[in-house]
Amino acid sequence: LEIQDYQESGATLSRDRLKTEPFEENSFLKQFMVEKLPE
């Protein structure tokens, strides 16, 4: 929400590689169960 407020105010990233997608808890948990849980 803080990043969204910055973007709506016209702020931009100086480096594109720092850009992240909004966090989706359900998607994260499903991916963790499949990829990270065995290890």
PDB file of all heavy atoms in Angstrom:
ATOM      1  N   LEU A   1       0.830  -1.206   0.000  1.00  0.00           N
ATOM      2  CA  LEU A   1       0.000   0.000   0.000  1.00  0.00           C
ATOM      3  C   LEU A   1       0.864   1.257   0.000  1.00  0.00           C
ATOM      4  O   LEU A   1       0.541   2.256  -0.652  1.00  0.00           O
ATOM      5  CB  LEU A   1      -0.921  -0.012   1.219  1.00  0.00           C
ATOM      6  CG  LEU A   1      -2.006  -1.090   1.237  1.00  0.00           C
ATOM      7  CD1 LEU A   1      -2.787  -1.025   2.545  1.00  0.00           C
ATOM      8  CD2 LEU A   1      -2.954  -0.932   0.049  1.00  0.00           C
ATOM      9  N   GLU A   2       1.970   1.211   0.710  1.00  0.00           N
ATOM     10  CA  GLU A   2       2.883   2.355   0.733  1.00  0.00           C
ATOM     11  C   GLU A   2       3.495   2.585  -0.644  1.00  0.00           C
ATOM     12  O   GLU A   2       3.573   3.725  -1.126  1.00  0.00           O
ATOM     13  CB  GLU A   2       3.980   2.102   1.771  1.00  0.00           C
ATOM     14  CG  GLU A   2       4.966   3.260   1.916  1.00  0.00           C
ATOM     15  CD  GLU A   2       6.028   2.972   2.950  1.00  0.00           C
ATOM     16  OE1 GLU A   2       5.994   1.878   3.563  1.00  0.00           O
ATOM     17  OE2 GLU A   2       6.916   3.823   3.146  1.00  0.00           O
ATOM     18  N   ILE A   3       3.914   1.497  -1.308  1.00  0.00           N
ATOM     19  CA  ILE A   3       4.491   1.617  -2.651  1.00  0.00           C
ATOM     20  C   ILE A   3       3.446   2.132  -3.634  1.00  0.00           C
ATOM     21  O   ILE A   3       3.733   2.981  -4.497  1.00  0.00           O
ATOM     22  CB  ILE A   3       5.041   0.261  -3.105  1.00  0.00           C
ATOM     23  CG1 ILE A   3       6.253  -0.123  -2.243  1.00  0.00           C
ATOM     24  CG2 ILE A   3       5.441   0.298  -4.576  1.00  0.00           C
ATOM     25  CD1 ILE A   3       6.766  -1.530  -2.505  1.00  0.00           C
ATOM     26  N   GLN A   4       2.202   1.650  -3.496  1.00  0.00           N
ATOM     27  CA  GLN A   4       1.129   2.114  -4.379  1.00  0.00           C
ATOM     28  C   GLN A   4       0.886   3.604  -4.216  1.00  0.00           C
ATOM     29  O   GLN A   4       0.656   4.328  -5.198  1.00  0.00           O
ATOM     30  CB  GLN A   4      -0.154   1.332  -4.089  1.00  0.00           C
ATOM     31  CG  GLN A   4      -1.329   1.709  -4.984  1.00  0.00           C
ATOM     32  CD  GLN A   4      -2.571   0.929  -4.654  1.00  0.00           C
ATOM     33  OE1 GLN A   4      -2.561   0.047  -3.801  1.00  0.00           O
ATOM     34  NE2 GLN A   4      -3.668   1.242  -5.327  1.00  0.00           N
ATOM     35  N   ASP A   5       0.957   4.086  -2.982  1.00  0.00           N
ATOM     36  CA  ASP A   5       0.764   5.518  -2.738  1.00  0.00           C
ATOM     37  C   ASP A   5       1.885   6.331  -3.384  1.00  0.00           C
ATOM     38  O   ASP A   5       1.642   7.410  -3.951  1.00  0.00           O
ATOM     39  CB  ASP A   5       0.711   5.761  -1.233  1.00  0.00           C
ATOM     40  CG  ASP A   5       0.434   7.213  -0.901  1.00  0.00           C
ATOM     41  OD1 ASP A   5      -0.706   7.663  -1.121  1.00  0.00           O
ATOM     42  OD2 ASP A   5       1.367   7.898  -0.432  1.00  0.00           O
ATOM     43  N   TYR A   6       3.122   5.812  -3.290  1.00  0.00           N
ATOM     44  CA  TYR A   6       4.234   6.499  -3.944  1.00  0.00           C
ATOM     45  C   TYR A   6       4.030   6.558  -5.457  1.00  0.00           C
ATOM     46  O   TYR A   6       4.265   7.601  -6.093  1.00  0.00           O
ATOM     47  CB  TYR A   6       5.555   5.776  -3.626  1.00  0.00           C
ATOM     48  CG  TYR A   6       6.020   5.941  -2.198  1.00  0.00           C
ATOM     49  CD1 TYR A   6       6.761   4.927  -1.574  1.00  0.00           C
ATOM     50  CD2 TYR A   6       5.751   7.101  -1.476  1.00  0.00           C
ATOM     51  CE1 TYR A   6       7.199   5.066  -0.270  1.00  0.00           C
ATOM     52  CE2 TYR A   6       6.188   7.238  -0.167  1.00  0.00           C
ATOM     53  CZ  TYR A   6       6.899   6.224   0.426  1.00  0.00           C
ATOM     54  OH  TYR A   6       7.331   6.371   1.719  1.00  0.00           O
ATOM     55  N   GLN A   7       3.583   5.457  -6.041  1.00  0.00           N
ATOM     56  CA  GLN A   7       3.383   5.417  -7.483  1.00  0.00           C
ATOM     57  C   GLN A   7       2.280   6.370  -7.920  1.00  0.00           C
ATOM     58  O   GLN A   7       2.393   7.048  -8.947  1.00  0.00           O
ATOM     59  CB  GLN A   7       3.062   3.984  -7.922  1.00  0.00           C
ATOM     60  CG  GLN A   7       4.230   3.017  -7.769  1.00  0.00           C
ATOM     61  CD  GLN A   7       3.840   1.586  -8.096  1.00  0.00           C
ATOM     62  OE1 GLN A   7       2.656   1.253  -8.162  1.00  0.00           O
ATOM     63  NE2 GLN A   7       4.840   0.731  -8.295  1.00  0.00           N
ATOM     64  N   GLU A   8       1.209   6.433  -7.143  1.00  0.00           N
ATOM     65  CA  GLU A   8       0.120   7.350  -7.484  1.00  0.00           C
ATOM     66  C   GLU A   8       0.541   8.808  -7.340  1.00  0.00           C
ATOM     67  O   GLU A   8      -0.063   9.699  -7.946  1.00  0.00           O
ATOM     68  CB  GLU A   8      -1.088   7.051  -6.604  1.00  0.00           C
ATOM     69  CG  GLU A   8      -1.738   5.699  -6.890  1.00  0.00           C
ATOM     70  CD  GLU A   8      -2.863   5.393  -5.928  1.00  0.00           C
ATOM     71  OE1 GLU A   8      -3.045   6.188  -4.962  1.00  0.00           O
ATOM     72  OE2 GLU A   8      -3.567   4.380  -6.118  1.00  0.00           O
ATOM     73  N   SER A   9       1.569   9.033  -6.524  1.00  0.00           N
ATOM     74  CA  SER A   9       2.083  10.398  -6.359  1.00  0.00           C
ATOM     75  C   SER A   9       3.112  10.758  -7.423  1.00  0.00           C
ATOM     76  O   SER A   9       3.661  11.863  -7.398  1.00  0.00           O
ATOM     77  CB  SER A   9       2.703  10.556  -4.966  1.00  0.00           C
ATOM     78  OG  SER A   9       1.741  10.296  -3.957  1.00  0.00           O
ATOM     79  N   GLY A  10       3.395   9.824  -8.339  1.00  0.00           N
ATOM     80  CA  GLY A  10       4.318  10.101  -9.432  1.00  0.00           C
ATOM     81  C   GLY A  10       5.725   9.612  -9.217  1.00  0.00           C
ATOM     82  O   GLY A  10       6.604   9.877 -10.051  1.00  0.00           O
ATOM     83  N   ALA A  11       5.978   8.891  -8.120  1.00  0.00           N
ATOM     84  CA  ALA A  11       7.335   8.397  -7.871  1.00  0.00           C
ATOM     85  C   ALA A  11       7.637   7.226  -8.798  1.00  0.00           C
ATOM     86  O   ALA A  11       6.766   6.429  -9.131  1.00  0.00           O
ATOM     87  CB  ALA A  11       7.470   7.965  -6.417  1.00  0.00           C
ATOM     88  N   THR A  12       8.901   7.116  -9.212  1.00  0.00           N
ATOM     89  CA  THR A  12       9.340   6.020 -10.084  1.00  0.00           C
ATOM     90  C   THR A  12      10.629   5.438  -9.540  1.00  0.00           C
ATOM     91  O   THR A  12      11.377   6.102  -8.803  1.00  0.00           O
ATOM     92  CB  THR A  12       9.573   6.517 -11.518  1.00  0.00           C
ATOM     93  OG1 THR A  12      10.551   7.573 -11.492  1.00  0.00           O
ATOM     94  CG2 THR A  12       8.275   7.021 -12.145  1.00  0.00           C
ATOM     95  N   LEU A  13      10.885   4.198  -9.923  1.00  0.00           N
ATOM     96  CA  LEU A  13      12.108   3.527  -9.496  1.00  0.00           C
ATOM     97  C   LEU A  13      13.285   3.990 -10.340  1.00  0.00           C
ATOM     98  O   LEU A  13      13.169   4.174 -11.549  1.00  0.00           O
ATOM     99  CB  LEU A  13      11.952   2.010  -9.624  1.00  0.00           C
ATOM    100  CG  LEU A  13      11.052   1.319  -8.590  1.00  0.00           C
ATOM    101  CD1 LEU A  13      10.857  -0.141  -8.974  1.00  0.00           C
ATOM    102  CD2 LEU A  13      11.654   1.432  -7.199  1.00  0.00           C
ATOM    103  N   SER A  14      14.415   4.150  -9.691  1.00  0.00           N
ATOM    104  CA  SER A  14      15.631   4.514 -10.432  1.00  0.00           C
ATOM    105  C   SER A  14      16.253   3.295 -11.111  1.00  0.00           C
ATOM    106  O   SER A  14      17.004   3.436 -12.070  1.00  0.00           O
ATOM    107  CB  SER A  14      16.643   5.172  -9.487  1.00  0.00           C
ATOM    108  OG  SER A  14      16.982   4.272  -8.434  1.00  0.00           O
ATOM    109  N   ARG A  15      15.947   2.096 -10.603  1.00  0.00           N
ATOM    110  CA  ARG A  15      16.459   0.860 -11.197  1.00  0.00           C
ATOM    111  C   ARG A  15      15.300  -0.116 -11.362  1.00  0.00           C
ATOM    112  O   ARG A  15      14.607  -0.451 -10.391  1.00  0.00           O
ATOM    113  CB  ARG A  15      17.544   0.254 -10.297  1.00  0.00           C
ATOM    114  CG  ARG A  15      18.845   1.046 -10.302  1.00  0.00           C
ATOM    115  CD  ARG A  15      19.777   0.598  -9.194  1.00  0.00           C
ATOM    116  NE  ARG A  15      19.310   1.068  -7.897  1.00  0.00           N
ATOM    117  CZ  ARG A  15      19.964   0.879  -6.743  1.00  0.00           C
ATOM    118  NH1 ARG A  15      21.107   0.212  -6.755  1.00  0.00           N
ATOM    119  NH2 ARG A  15      19.482   1.335  -5.605  1.00  0.00           N
ATOM    120  N   ASP A  16      15.086  -0.575 -12.566  1.00  0.00           N
ATOM    121  CA  ASP A  16      13.954  -1.453 -12.855  1.00  0.00           C
ATOM    122  C   ASP A  16      14.069  -2.801 -12.159  1.00  0.00           C
ATOM    123  O   ASP A  16      13.049  -3.458 -11.885  1.00  0.00           O
ATOM    124  CB  ASP A  16      13.823  -1.669 -14.364  1.00  0.00           C
ATOM    125  CG  ASP A  16      13.425  -0.386 -15.096  1.00  0.00           C
ATOM    126  OD1 ASP A  16      12.844   0.509 -14.423  1.00  0.00           O
ATOM    127  OD2 ASP A  16      13.698  -0.276 -16.307  1.00  0.00           O
ATOM    128  N   ARG A  17      15.279  -3.245 -11.876  1.00  0.00           N
ATOM    129  CA  ARG A  17      15.447  -4.562 -11.262  1.00  0.00           C
ATOM    130  C   ARG A  17      14.922  -4.609  -9.832  1.00  0.00           C
ATOM    131  O   ARG A  17      14.755  -5.692  -9.257  1.00  0.00           O
ATOM    132  CB  ARG A  17      16.922  -4.968 -11.286  1.00  0.00           C
ATOM    133  CG  ARG A  17      17.842  -4.074 -10.475  1.00  0.00           C
ATOM    134  CD  ARG A  17      19.299  -4.518 -10.601  1.00  0.00           C
ATOM    135  NE  ARG A  17      20.210  -3.676  -9.855  1.00  0.00           N
ATOM    136  CZ  ARG A  17      20.466  -3.815  -8.559  1.00  0.00           C
ATOM    137  NH1 ARG A  17      19.863  -4.768  -7.881  1.00  0.00           N
ATOM    138  NH2 ARG A  17      21.318  -3.008  -7.948  1.00  0.00           N
ATOM    139  N   LEU A  18      14.646  -3.448  -9.242  1.00  0.00           N
ATOM    140  CA  LEU A  18      14.107  -3.416  -7.887  1.00  0.00           C
ATOM    141  C   LEU A  18      12.585  -3.542  -7.851  1.00  0.00           C
ATOM    142  O   LEU A  18      12.005  -3.646  -6.774  1.00  0.00           O
ATOM    143  CB  LEU A  18      14.512  -2.104  -7.190  1.00  0.00           C
ATOM    144  CG  LEU A  18      16.012  -1.882  -6.987  1.00  0.00           C
ATOM    145  CD1 LEU A  18      16.255  -0.523  -6.332  1.00  0.00           C
ATOM    146  CD2 LEU A  18      16.619  -2.997  -6.144  1.00  0.00           C
ATOM    147  N   LYS A  19      11.964  -3.572  -9.009  1.00  0.00           N
ATOM    148  CA  LYS A  19      10.510  -3.637  -9.049  1.00  0.00           C
ATOM    149  C   LYS A  19      10.013  -5.011  -8.597  1.00  0.00           C
ATOM    150  O   LYS A  19      10.567  -6.041  -8.967  1.00  0.00           O
ATOM    151  CB  LYS A  19      10.020  -3.355 -10.464  1.00  0.00           C
ATOM    152  CG  LYS A  19       8.500  -3.276 -10.573  1.00  0.00           C
ATOM    153  CD  LYS A  19       8.069  -2.929 -11.988  1.00  0.00           C
ATOM    154  CE  LYS A  19       6.554  -2.841 -12.090  1.00  0.00           C
ATOM    155  NZ  LYS A  19       6.101  -2.501 -13.451  1.00  0.00           N
ATOM    156  N   THR A  20       8.971  -5.029  -7.785  1.00  0.00           N
ATOM    157  CA  THR A  20       8.374  -6.267  -7.285  1.00  0.00           C
ATOM    158  C   THR A  20       6.875  -6.248  -7.542  1.00  0.00           C
ATOM    159  O   THR A  20       6.266  -5.177  -7.691  1.00  0.00           O
ATOM    160  CB  THR A  20       8.611  -6.435  -5.778  1.00  0.00           C
ATOM    161  OG1 THR A  20       8.075  -5.292  -5.095  1.00  0.00           O
ATOM    162  CG2 THR A  20      10.105  -6.563  -5.470  1.00  0.00           C
ATOM    163  N   GLU A  21       6.304  -7.430  -7.585  1.00  0.00           N
ATOM    164  CA  GLU A  21       4.863  -7.565  -7.741  1.00  0.00           C
ATOM    165  C   GLU A  21       4.189  -7.493  -6.373  1.00  0.00           C
ATOM    166  O   GLU A  21       4.791  -7.846  -5.349  1.00  0.00           O
ATOM    167  CB  GLU A  21       4.528  -8.891  -8.420  1.00  0.00           C
ATOM    168  CG  GLU A  21       5.073  -9.017  -9.831  1.00  0.00           C
ATOM    169  CD  GLU A  21       4.459  -7.987 -10.778  1.00  0.00           C
ATOM    170  OE1 GLU A  21       3.289  -7.608 -10.547  1.00  0.00           O
ATOM    171  OE2 GLU A  21       5.149  -7.567 -11.722  1.00  0.00           O
ATOM    172  N   PRO A  22       2.939  -7.051  -6.327  1.00  0.00           N
ATOM    173  CA  PRO A  22       2.221  -7.048  -5.042  1.00  0.00           C
ATOM    174  C   PRO A  22       2.168  -8.443  -4.429  1.00  0.00           C
ATOM    175  O   PRO A  22       2.048  -9.446  -5.135  1.00  0.00           O
ATOM    176  CB  PRO A  22       0.822  -6.543  -5.422  1.00  0.00           C
ATOM    177  CG  PRO A  22       1.031  -5.757  -6.680  1.00  0.00           C
ATOM    178  CD  PRO A  22       2.150  -6.441  -7.407  1.00  0.00           C
ATOM    179  N   PHE A  23       2.267  -8.490  -3.129  1.00  0.00           N
ATOM    180  CA  PHE A  23       2.334  -9.773  -2.419  1.00  0.00           C
ATOM    181  C   PHE A  23       0.961 -10.423  -2.366  1.00  0.00           C
ATOM    182  O   PHE A  23      -0.012  -9.818  -1.898  1.00  0.00           O
ATOM    183  CB  PHE A  23       2.863  -9.553  -0.998  1.00  0.00           C
ATOM    184  CG  PHE A  23       2.910 -10.802  -0.170  1.00  0.00           C
ATOM    185  CD1 PHE A  23       3.843 -11.787  -0.427  1.00  0.00           C
ATOM    186  CD2 PHE A  23       2.015 -10.986   0.879  1.00  0.00           C
ATOM    187  CE1 PHE A  23       3.897 -12.940   0.331  1.00  0.00           C
ATOM    188  CE2 PHE A  23       2.063 -12.138   1.643  1.00  0.00           C
ATOM    189  CZ  PHE A  23       3.002 -13.115   1.371  1.00  0.00           C
ATOM    190  N   GLU A  24       0.886 -11.663  -2.827  1.00  0.00           N
ATOM    191  CA  GLU A  24      -0.331 -12.461  -2.760  1.00  0.00           C
ATOM    192  C   GLU A  24      -0.060 -13.639  -1.830  1.00  0.00           C
ATOM    193  O   GLU A  24       0.698 -14.545  -2.167  1.00  0.00           O
ATOM    194  CB  GLU A  24      -0.738 -12.956  -4.146  1.00  0.00           C
ATOM    195  CG  GLU A  24      -1.153 -11.854  -5.105  1.00  0.00           C
ATOM    196  CD  GLU A  24      -2.485 -11.218  -4.707  1.00  0.00           C
ATOM    197  OE1 GLU A  24      -3.217 -11.864  -3.925  1.00  0.00           O
ATOM    198  OE2 GLU A  24      -2.760 -10.094  -5.165  1.00  0.00           O
ATOM    199  N   GLU A  25      -0.676 -13.614  -0.680  1.00  0.00           N
ATOM    200  CA  GLU A  25      -0.367 -14.612   0.345  1.00  0.00           C
ATOM    201  C   GLU A  25      -0.715 -16.031  -0.102  1.00  0.00           C
ATOM    202  O   GLU A  25       0.069 -16.966   0.097  1.00  0.00           O
ATOM    203  CB  GLU A  25      -1.113 -14.273   1.644  1.00  0.00           C
ATOM    204  CG  GLU A  25      -0.762 -15.199   2.789  1.00  0.00           C
ATOM    205  CD  GLU A  25      -1.422 -14.761   4.093  1.00  0.00           C
ATOM    206  OE1 GLU A  25      -2.126 -13.747   4.094  1.00  0.00           O
ATOM    207  OE2 GLU A  25      -1.210 -15.466   5.104  1.00  0.00           O
ATOM    208  N   ASN A  26      -1.896 -16.226  -0.692  1.00  0.00           N
ATOM    209  CA  ASN A  26      -2.303 -17.569  -1.106  1.00  0.00           C
ATOM    210  C   ASN A  26      -1.364 -18.142  -2.169  1.00  0.00           C
ATOM    211  O   ASN A  26      -0.968 -19.314  -2.109  1.00  0.00           O
ATOM    212  CB  ASN A  26      -3.737 -17.548  -1.627  1.00  0.00           C
ATOM    213  CG  ASN A  26      -4.743 -17.255  -0.526  1.00  0.00           C
ATOM    214  OD1 ASN A  26      -4.501 -17.560   0.647  1.00  0.00           O
ATOM    215  ND2 ASN A  26      -5.869 -16.657  -0.885  1.00  0.00           N
ATOM    216  N   SER A  27      -0.994 -17.315  -3.127  1.00  0.00           N
ATOM    217  CA  SER A  27      -0.069 -17.786  -4.161  1.00  0.00           C
ATOM    218  C   SER A  27       1.290 -18.128  -3.568  1.00  0.00           C
ATOM    219  O   SER A  27       1.930 -19.122  -3.946  1.00  0.00           O
ATOM    220  CB  SER A  27       0.087 -16.727  -5.252  1.00  0.00           C
ATOM    221  OG  SER A  27      -1.160 -16.440  -5.857  1.00  0.00           O
ATOM    222  N   PHE A  28       1.736 -17.303  -2.623  1.00  0.00           N
ATOM    223  CA  PHE A  28       3.027 -17.563  -1.978  1.00  0.00           C
ATOM    224  C   PHE A  28       3.010 -18.886  -1.222  1.00  0.00           C
ATOM    225  O   PHE A  28       3.962 -19.677  -1.303  1.00  0.00           O
ATOM    226  CB  PHE A  28       3.369 -16.414  -1.027  1.00  0.00           C
ATOM    227  CG  PHE A  28       4.547 -16.683  -0.156  1.00  0.00           C
ATOM    228  CD1 PHE A  28       5.839 -16.557  -0.644  1.00  0.00           C
ATOM    229  CD2 PHE A  28       4.373 -17.088   1.169  1.00  0.00           C
ATOM    230  CE1 PHE A  28       6.935 -16.821   0.170  1.00  0.00           C
ATOM    231  CE2 PHE A  28       5.462 -17.351   1.975  1.00  0.00           C
ATOM    232  CZ  PHE A  28       6.743 -17.215   1.476  1.00  0.00           C
ATOM    233  N   LEU A  29       1.917 -19.159  -0.487  1.00  0.00           N
ATOM    234  CA  LEU A  29       1.839 -20.389   0.291  1.00  0.00           C
ATOM    235  C   LEU A  29       1.786 -21.612  -0.615  1.00  0.00           C
ATOM    236  O   LEU A  29       2.425 -22.637  -0.332  1.00  0.00           O
ATOM    237  CB  LEU A  29       0.613 -20.345   1.213  1.00  0.00           C
ATOM    238  CG  LEU A  29       0.669 -19.322   2.351  1.00  0.00           C
ATOM    239  CD1 LEU A  29      -0.626 -19.321   3.136  1.00  0.00           C
ATOM    240  CD2 LEU A  29       1.850 -19.598   3.275  1.00  0.00           C
ATOM    241  N   LYS A  30       1.047 -21.515  -1.709  1.00  0.00           N
ATOM    242  CA  LYS A  30       0.977 -22.646  -2.628  1.00  0.00           C
ATOM    243  C   LYS A  30       2.339 -22.921  -3.258  1.00  0.00           C
ATOM    244  O   LYS A  30       2.765 -24.078  -3.372  1.00  0.00           O
ATOM    245  CB  LYS A  30      -0.056 -22.359  -3.714  1.00  0.00           C
ATOM    246  CG  LYS A  30      -1.492 -22.366  -3.212  1.00  0.00           C
ATOM    247  CD  LYS A  30      -2.468 -22.062  -4.351  1.00  0.00           C
ATOM    248  CE  LYS A  30      -3.906 -22.061  -3.849  1.00  0.00           C
ATOM    249  NZ  LYS A  30      -4.873 -21.745  -4.933  1.00  0.00           N
ATOM    250  N   GLN A  31       3.029 -21.878  -3.657  1.00  0.00           N
ATOM    251  CA  GLN A  31       4.349 -22.054  -4.251  1.00  0.00           C
ATOM    252  C   GLN A  31       5.336 -22.622  -3.230  1.00  0.00           C
ATOM    253  O   GLN A  31       6.189 -23.463  -3.564  1.00  0.00           O
ATOM    254  CB  GLN A  31       4.851 -20.722  -4.791  1.00  0.00           C
ATOM    255  CG  GLN A  31       6.189 -20.812  -5.524  1.00  0.00           C
ATOM    256  CD  GLN A  31       6.634 -19.457  -6.062  1.00  0.00           C
ATOM    257  OE1 GLN A  31       5.979 -18.443  -5.816  1.00  0.00           O
ATOM    258  NE2 GLN A  31       7.733 -19.454  -6.788  1.00  0.00           N
ATOM    259  N   PHE A  32       5.225 -22.171  -1.982  1.00  0.00           N
ATOM    260  CA  PHE A  32       6.113 -22.681  -0.944  1.00  0.00           C
ATOM    261  C   PHE A  32       5.884 -24.176  -0.718  1.00  0.00           C
ATOM    262  O   PHE A  32       6.842 -24.943  -0.559  1.00  0.00           O
ATOM    263  CB  PHE A  32       5.886 -21.912   0.353  1.00  0.00           C
ATOM    264  CG  PHE A  32       6.709 -22.411   1.510  1.00  0.00           C
ATOM    265  CD1 PHE A  32       8.021 -21.992   1.665  1.00  0.00           C
ATOM    266  CD2 PHE A  32       6.174 -23.300   2.429  1.00  0.00           C
ATOM    267  CE1 PHE A  32       8.792 -22.462   2.728  1.00  0.00           C
ATOM    268  CE2 PHE A  32       6.933 -23.770   3.482  1.00  0.00           C
ATOM    269  CZ  PHE A  32       8.240 -23.346   3.639  1.00  0.00           C
ATOM    270  N   MET A  33       4.629 -24.590  -0.679  1.00  0.00           N
ATOM    271  CA  MET A  33       4.322 -26.009  -0.468  1.00  0.00           C
ATOM    272  C   MET A  33       4.913 -26.884  -1.570  1.00  0.00           C
ATOM    273  O   MET A  33       5.366 -28.002  -1.324  1.00  0.00           O
ATOM    274  CB  MET A  33       2.799 -26.209  -0.398  1.00  0.00           C
ATOM    275  CG  MET A  33       2.148 -25.597   0.825  1.00  0.00           C
ATOM    276  SD  MET A  33       2.676 -26.412   2.349  1.00  0.00           S
ATOM    277  CE  MET A  33       1.657 -25.547   3.542  1.00  0.00           C
ATOM    278  N   VAL A  34       4.933 -26.388  -2.781  1.00  0.00           N
ATOM    279  CA  VAL A  34       5.398 -27.189  -3.907  1.00  0.00           C
ATOM    280  C   VAL A  34       6.911 -27.151  -4.037  1.00  0.00           C
ATOM    281  O   VAL A  34       7.564 -28.187  -4.223  1.00  0.00           O
ATOM    282  CB  VAL A  34       4.736 -26.707  -5.211  1.00  0.00           C
ATOM    283  CG1 VAL A  34       5.315 -27.447  -6.412  1.00  0.00           C
ATOM    284  CG2 VAL A  34       3.227 -26.902  -5.141  1.00  0.00           C
ATOM    285  N   GLU A  35       7.520 -25.969  -3.898  1.00  0.00           N
ATOM    286  CA  GLU A  35       8.929 -25.807  -4.209  1.00  0.00           C
ATOM    287  C   GLU A  35       9.848 -25.871  -2.989  1.00  0.00           C
ATOM    288  O   GLU A  35      10.949 -26.433  -3.072  1.00  0.00           O
ATOM    289  CB  GLU A  35       9.146 -24.475  -4.933  1.00  0.00           C
ATOM    290  CG  GLU A  35       8.389 -24.365  -6.262  1.00  0.00           C
ATOM    291  CD  GLU A  35       8.609 -23.022  -6.925  1.00  0.00           C
ATOM    292  OE1 GLU A  35       9.369 -22.201  -6.351  1.00  0.00           O
ATOM    293  OE2 GLU A  35       8.029 -22.789  -8.006  1.00  0.00           O
ATOM    294  N   LYS A  36       9.432 -25.317  -1.865  1.00  0.00           N
ATOM    295  CA  LYS A  36      10.335 -25.162  -0.723  1.00  0.00           C
ATOM    296  C   LYS A  36      10.105 -26.171   0.398  1.00  0.00           C
ATOM    297  O   LYS A  36      11.027 -26.449   1.173  1.00  0.00           O
ATOM    298  CB  LYS A  36      10.199 -23.749  -0.140  1.00  0.00           C
ATOM    299  CG  LYS A  36      10.490 -22.633  -1.130  1.00  0.00           C
ATOM    300  CD  LYS A  36      11.944 -22.647  -1.560  1.00  0.00           C
ATOM    301  CE  LYS A  36      12.249 -21.466  -2.486  1.00  0.00           C
ATOM    302  NZ  LYS A  36      13.673 -21.450  -2.911  1.00  0.00           N
ATOM    303  N   LEU A  37       8.902 -26.698   0.491  1.00  0.00           N
ATOM    304  CA  LEU A  37       8.584 -27.549   1.639  1.00  0.00           C
ATOM    305  C   LEU A  37       9.468 -28.791   1.740  1.00  0.00           C
ATOM    306  O   LEU A  37       9.946 -29.110   2.832  1.00  0.00           O
ATOM    307  CB  LEU A  37       7.107 -27.956   1.604  1.00  0.00           C
ATOM    308  CG  LEU A  37       6.614 -28.773   2.803  1.00  0.00           C
ATOM    309  CD1 LEU A  37       6.734 -27.962   4.076  1.00  0.00           C
ATOM    310  CD2 LEU A  37       5.181 -29.236   2.584  1.00  0.00           C
ATOM    311  N   PRO A  38       9.711 -29.540   0.661  1.00  0.00           N
ATOM    312  CA  PRO A  38      10.551 -30.742   0.809  1.00  0.00           C
ATOM    313  C   PRO A  38      11.918 -30.459   1.414  1.00  0.00           C
ATOM    314  O   PRO A  38      12.403 -31.222   2.254  1.00  0.00           O
ATOM    315  CB  PRO A  38      10.660 -31.249  -0.638  1.00  0.00           C
ATOM    316  CG  PRO A  38       9.437 -30.734  -1.317  1.00  0.00           C
ATOM    317  CD  PRO A  38       9.196 -29.391  -0.712  1.00  0.00           C
ATOM    318  N   GLU A  39      12.532 -29.368   1.012  1.00  0.00           N
ATOM    319  CA  GLU A  39      13.840 -29.042   1.559  1.00  0.00           C
ATOM    320  C   GLU A  39      13.735 -28.461   2.959  1.00  0.00           C
ATOM    321  O   GLU A  39      14.570 -28.740   3.833  1.00  0.00           O
ATOM    322  CB  GLU A  39      14.550 -28.042   0.644  1.00  0.00           C
ATOM    323  CG  GLU A  39      15.923 -27.621   1.126  1.00  0.00           C
ATOM    324  CD  GLU A  39      16.557 -26.586   0.217  1.00  0.00           C
ATOM    325  OE1 GLU A  39      15.945 -26.248  -0.821  1.00  0.00           O
ATOM    326  OE2 GLU A  39      17.665 -26.118   0.533  1.00  0.00           O
TER     327      GLU A  39
END
